[in-house]
Protein backbone atom coordinates (compact mmCIF):
# COMPACT_ATOMS: atom_id res chain seq x y z
CA MET A 1 0.00 -0.03 0.00
CA THR A 2 1.08 3.53 -0.73
CA TYR A 3 0.63 6.08 2.06
CA ILE A 4 1.05 9.79 1.41
CA VAL A 5 0.31 12.33 4.14
CA ASP A 6 -0.37 15.82 2.71
CA PRO A 7 -1.89 18.94 4.23
CA TRP A 8 -4.29 19.47 1.29
CA PHE A 9 -4.74 16.29 -0.77
CA THR A 10 -5.91 12.84 0.37
CA VAL A 11 -4.46 9.95 -1.56
CA GLN A 12 -6.34 6.62 -1.70
CA GLU A 13 -4.92 3.56 -3.47
CA LEU A 14 -7.71 1.95 -5.52
CA ASP A 15 -5.23 -0.77 -6.59
CA SER A 16 -1.51 -0.84 -6.96
CA LYS A 17 -1.58 1.10 -10.22
CA THR A 18 -4.58 3.41 -9.63
CA PHE A 19 -4.88 6.29 -7.17
CA ALA A 20 -7.64 8.73 -6.23
CA ILE A 21 -6.35 12.19 -5.31
CA SER A 22 -9.10 14.01 -3.43
CA GLU A 23 -9.66 17.49 -1.99
CA TYR A 24 -11.99 16.79 0.94
CA GLY A 25 -11.27 20.15 2.63
CA HIS A 26 -13.31 21.96 -0.03
CA TRP A 27 -17.08 21.79 -0.21
CA GLU A 28 -16.93 20.30 -3.73
CA LYS A 29 -14.94 17.26 -2.56
CA VAL A 30 -13.22 16.92 -5.92
CA HIS A 31 -11.50 13.71 -7.06
CA SER A 32 -8.76 13.34 -9.68
CA PHE A 33 -7.33 9.95 -10.61
CA LEU A 34 -3.84 8.77 -11.55
CA LEU A 35 -3.62 5.62 -13.64
CA LEU A 36 -0.20 3.97 -14.13
CA GLY A 37 0.60 2.09 -17.32
CA GLU A 38 3.93 0.49 -18.33
CA ASN A 39 5.02 3.47 -20.50
CA GLN A 40 2.96 6.38 -19.34
CA ALA A 41 0.58 7.55 -16.64
CA ALA A 42 -2.79 9.15 -17.23
CA LEU A 43 -4.04 11.81 -14.80
CA ILE A 44 -7.79 12.19 -15.06
CA ASP A 45 -8.36 15.85 -14.20
CA THR A 46 -6.11 18.04 -12.05
CA GLY A 47 -8.39 19.33 -9.30
CA LEU A 48 -9.21 22.77 -8.01
CA GLY A 49 -5.86 24.48 -8.33
CA ILE A 50 -5.98 25.70 -4.76
CA ASP A 51 -2.79 23.65 -4.38
CA THR A 52 -0.72 21.86 -7.06
CA ILE A 53 -1.59 18.22 -7.60
CA LYS A 54 1.83 17.69 -9.17
CA ARG A 55 3.30 17.51 -5.69
CA ILE A 56 1.33 14.32 -5.25
CA THR A 57 1.85 12.79 -8.72
CA ASP A 58 5.63 13.35 -8.38
CA GLN A 59 5.53 11.08 -5.29
CA LEU A 60 3.50 8.40 -7.10
CA THR A 61 5.27 7.95 -10.42
CA ASP A 62 8.30 8.87 -12.56
CA LEU A 63 6.38 8.03 -15.76
CA PRO A 64 5.52 10.78 -18.22
CA ILE A 65 1.99 11.98 -17.50
CA ILE A 66 -0.78 12.76 -19.95
CA VAL A 67 -3.72 14.72 -18.51
CA LEU A 68 -7.15 13.58 -19.66
CA THR A 69 -9.70 16.32 -19.11
CA THR A 70 -13.18 15.06 -18.33
CA HIS A 71 -14.48 18.60 -18.91
CA VAL A 72 -13.33 22.20 -18.73
CA HIS A 73 -14.62 23.50 -15.47
CA ALA A 74 -12.39 25.32 -12.97
CA ASP A 75 -12.58 22.56 -10.31
CA HIS A 76 -11.17 19.95 -12.72
CA ILE A 77 -8.43 21.88 -14.57
CA GLY A 78 -6.84 23.66 -11.62
CA SER A 79 -3.30 22.21 -12.02
CA HIS A 80 -3.32 21.74 -15.81
CA GLY A 81 -0.57 24.34 -16.10
CA ASP A 82 1.85 22.16 -14.22
CA PHE A 83 1.79 19.40 -16.81
CA ASP A 84 3.25 19.18 -20.34
CA THR A 85 0.64 17.10 -22.13
CA ILE A 86 -3.05 17.92 -22.02
CA TYR A 87 -5.86 16.07 -23.80
CA VAL A 88 -9.38 17.45 -24.09
CA HIS A 89 -12.48 16.63 -26.14
CA ASN A 90 -12.81 18.78 -29.26
CA ASP A 91 -16.07 20.32 -28.03
CA ASP A 92 -14.49 21.68 -24.84
CA ALA A 93 -11.25 22.88 -26.51
CA ASP A 94 -12.54 26.44 -26.98
CA TRP A 95 -13.32 26.74 -23.22
CA LEU A 96 -9.76 25.55 -22.46
CA ILE A 97 -8.20 28.05 -24.84
CA ASN A 98 -10.49 31.05 -24.47
CA GLY A 99 -12.18 30.65 -21.09
CA ILE A 100 -15.11 28.79 -19.61
CA LYS A 101 -18.53 29.83 -20.97
CA GLY A 102 -21.57 30.39 -18.75
CA LEU A 103 -19.72 31.11 -15.52
CA SER A 104 -18.30 34.51 -14.60
CA LEU A 105 -14.85 34.83 -13.03
CA LYS A 106 -16.54 36.47 -10.02
CA GLN A 107 -18.75 33.39 -9.52
CA ILE A 108 -15.84 30.98 -10.03
CA ARG A 109 -13.79 32.82 -7.39
CA LYS A 110 -16.72 32.78 -4.97
CA ASP A 111 -17.22 29.05 -5.42
CA MET A 112 -13.55 28.36 -5.13
CA SER A 113 -13.05 30.16 -1.86
CA ARG A 114 -16.22 29.32 0.17
CA ASP A 115 -16.81 26.52 2.66
CA ILE A 116 -13.22 25.41 3.08
CA THR A 117 -12.69 23.33 6.22
CA ILE A 118 -8.89 23.02 6.40
CA PRO A 119 -6.08 25.56 6.07
CA VAL A 120 -5.40 26.61 2.46
CA PRO A 121 -1.85 26.91 1.02
CA GLU A 122 -0.29 30.35 1.53
CA LEU A 123 -0.06 30.80 -2.25
CA PHE A 124 -3.84 30.57 -2.77
CA ASP A 125 -5.53 33.94 -3.19
CA PRO A 126 -9.21 33.77 -4.09
CA PHE A 127 -9.09 37.36 -5.24
CA THR A 128 -6.52 36.65 -7.95
CA TYR A 129 -7.49 33.07 -8.75
CA LYS A 130 -7.93 32.42 -12.51
CA PRO A 131 -8.85 29.11 -14.16
CA TYR A 132 -6.21 27.61 -16.36
CA GLN A 133 -6.23 28.65 -20.04
CA GLY A 134 -4.08 27.06 -22.69
CA HIS A 135 -3.85 25.06 -25.90
CA PRO A 136 -4.38 21.29 -25.64
CA ASP A 137 -1.83 18.91 -27.15
CA LYS A 138 -4.50 16.52 -28.46
CA LEU A 139 -8.19 16.71 -29.22
CA LEU A 140 -10.25 13.68 -28.24
CA SER A 141 -13.33 12.20 -29.95
CA ASP A 142 -15.90 9.57 -28.98
CA GLY A 143 -14.46 6.09 -29.36
CA ASP A 144 -10.81 7.09 -29.13
CA THR A 145 -8.49 4.71 -27.30
CA ILE A 146 -5.33 5.61 -25.40
CA ASP A 147 -2.72 2.94 -24.63
CA ILE A 148 -0.49 3.92 -21.68
CA GLY A 149 1.32 0.61 -21.80
CA ASN A 150 -0.61 -2.64 -21.30
CA ARG A 151 -3.53 -0.48 -20.22
CA ILE A 152 -6.09 0.80 -22.74
CA LEU A 153 -8.46 3.64 -21.93
CA ARG A 154 -11.61 4.20 -24.02
CA ILE A 155 -13.11 7.64 -24.43
CA PHE A 156 -16.89 8.15 -24.41
CA HIS A 157 -18.27 11.52 -25.39
CA THR A 158 -20.87 12.27 -22.77
CA PRO A 159 -22.07 15.85 -23.15
CA GLY A 160 -24.64 17.73 -21.07
CA HIS A 161 -22.72 19.12 -18.09
CA SER A 162 -20.40 20.63 -20.73
CA PRO A 163 -20.38 20.24 -24.50
CA GLY A 164 -17.13 18.17 -24.59
CA HIS A 165 -17.56 16.19 -21.38
CA ILE A 166 -16.09 12.69 -21.55
CA SER A 167 -16.22 9.52 -19.52
CA ILE A 168 -13.23 7.12 -19.55
CA LEU A 169 -13.32 3.32 -19.35
CA ASP A 170 -10.22 1.48 -18.19
CA TYR A 171 -10.47 -1.88 -19.89
CA LYS A 172 -7.89 -3.48 -17.63
CA THR A 173 -9.76 -2.87 -14.39
CA GLY A 174 -13.29 -2.13 -15.54
CA TYR A 175 -13.16 1.26 -13.78
CA LEU A 176 -15.41 3.84 -15.40
CA PHE A 177 -14.48 7.43 -14.65
CA THR A 178 -17.59 9.63 -15.08
CA GLY A 179 -16.44 13.15 -14.20
CA ASP A 180 -19.49 15.26 -13.49
CA LEU A 181 -21.89 13.09 -15.37
CA LEU A 182 -22.63 10.65 -12.51
CA TYR A 183 -21.85 10.86 -8.83
CA ALA A 184 -23.78 10.59 -5.53
CA GLU A 185 -24.74 12.83 -2.55
CA THR A 186 -25.24 16.20 -4.31
CA PRO A 187 -27.14 17.02 -7.50
CA ILE A 188 -25.52 16.54 -10.91
CA TYR A 189 -25.65 19.97 -12.42
CA ALA A 190 -27.25 20.79 -15.76
CA PHE A 191 -28.94 24.10 -14.95
CA TYR A 192 -26.32 26.54 -16.14
CA PRO A 193 -27.03 28.25 -19.49
CA SER A 194 -23.97 26.40 -20.94
CA THR A 195 -25.41 22.96 -20.00
CA ASP A 196 -27.87 20.84 -21.91
CA PRO A 197 -30.32 18.67 -19.96
CA VAL A 198 -31.33 16.60 -22.95
CA ASP A 199 -27.74 15.76 -23.74
CA LEU A 200 -27.11 14.94 -20.08
CA VAL A 201 -29.98 12.44 -19.93
CA ASN A 202 -28.84 10.82 -23.19
CA SER A 203 -25.27 10.58 -21.86
CA LEU A 204 -26.52 8.92 -18.62
CA LYS A 205 -28.32 6.33 -20.80
CA LYS A 206 -25.14 5.84 -22.84
CA ILE A 207 -22.88 5.04 -19.88
CA ALA A 208 -25.50 2.84 -18.25
CA LYS A 209 -25.23 0.45 -21.22
CA ILE A 210 -21.46 0.10 -21.12
CA LYS A 211 -20.47 -3.53 -20.56
CA GLY A 212 -17.76 -4.77 -18.23
CA VAL A 213 -17.83 -1.98 -15.65
CA SER A 214 -16.59 -3.05 -12.22
CA LYS A 215 -16.70 0.31 -10.45
CA ILE A 216 -17.80 3.82 -11.16
CA TYR A 217 -15.65 6.79 -10.08
CA GLY A 218 -17.27 10.22 -10.37
CA GLY A 219 -15.60 13.58 -9.88
CA HIS A 220 -17.13 14.48 -6.51
CA ASN A 221 -18.26 13.21 -3.12
CA GLN A 222 -18.46 9.48 -2.38
CA LEU A 223 -15.47 7.63 -3.81
CA GLY A 224 -16.70 4.71 -5.91
CA LEU A 225 -20.21 3.57 -6.89
CA GLU A 226 -21.29 0.00 -7.68
CA PRO A 227 -22.38 -0.70 -11.26
CA LYS A 228 -25.85 -1.82 -10.08
CA ILE A 229 -26.62 1.89 -10.02
CA PHE A 230 -26.96 1.64 -13.79
CA ASP A 231 -30.36 -0.05 -13.42
CA GLU A 232 -31.57 2.95 -11.48
CA VAL A 233 -29.97 5.32 -14.01
CA LEU A 234 -31.98 3.74 -16.86
CA GLU A 235 -35.20 3.99 -14.88
CA ALA A 236 -34.47 7.68 -14.11
CA VAL A 237 -33.76 8.39 -17.76
CA GLN A 238 -37.09 6.89 -18.82
CA TYR A 239 -38.91 8.86 -16.09
CA LEU A 240 -37.25 12.15 -17.03
CA LYS A 241 -38.02 11.65 -20.73
CA GLU A 242 -41.61 10.45 -20.26
CA ASN A 243 -42.45 13.42 -18.11
CA LYS A 244 -40.59 15.92 -20.29
CA LEU A 245 -38.44 17.04 -17.35
CA ALA A 246 -35.13 17.25 -19.21
CA LYS A 247 -35.12 21.01 -19.65
CA HIS A 248 -33.88 24.03 -17.78
CA GLY A 249 -36.02 25.25 -14.89
CA THR A 250 -37.57 21.96 -13.83
CA GLY A 251 -35.48 21.91 -10.65
CA VAL A 252 -34.02 19.02 -8.72
CA HIS A 253 -35.05 15.45 -9.47
CA THR A 254 -34.11 12.96 -6.74
CA PHE A 255 -33.74 9.28 -7.18
CA LYS A 256 -32.58 6.60 -4.72
CA SER A 257 -28.85 6.95 -5.24
CA PHE A 258 -28.37 10.20 -7.14
CA SER A 259 -30.15 13.40 -8.20
CA VAL A 260 -29.98 15.83 -11.11
CA GLN A 261 -30.70 19.58 -11.23
CA PHE A 262 -32.02 21.18 -14.40
């Protein structure tokens, strides 16, 4: 087992080659994930940027790291600037280069700095905080595969929360990384003007039909969901479609294990 004690990040070993790097001291309880292959490592998202996640990845691997961006929101691209190789879906590339649509910098700074329960790093200043902007090294599309060395990752385009949101299936372990498409405890957001409730519902249906999933890892809150939740997801999708609820302004829809907010 790998044990890392850190003042900001919590590191949990999912298996000997897969690590969750979490920021539990912030109200969003964000997770990023490091997957080790034989030739490269893949870092799924880079967290809030309140502190640099590279301090953790440097302790976990010497392999070259590619960053796989589930979506371009501030809480998932915070340490992108500390890495050399950034992948993002084509439909979120504009947000990465030119700035996130639908959320003002004032709102982002407010969300970033509120409800923090542990001391923040001295370098963090909410008044000057700016989300990462930069050019990606590779644009991803639905169905792409990435081989990091005896470990193949499959890209699923799952828009709704953002236009270029992706989910990532690790064929070796059966882990499905769902970003902000599916997680528990707090609502999945699709109420911002830049979101699309219809796309989100269709994306939920898409991932619920993926075969061979052993565990689901979302970008927030509880770490790890069982694949049996997919049965509930399919029922929820049918309910939302039949009742024409997949549109902005219909509010929070709560199911047994998860909820959505439109």
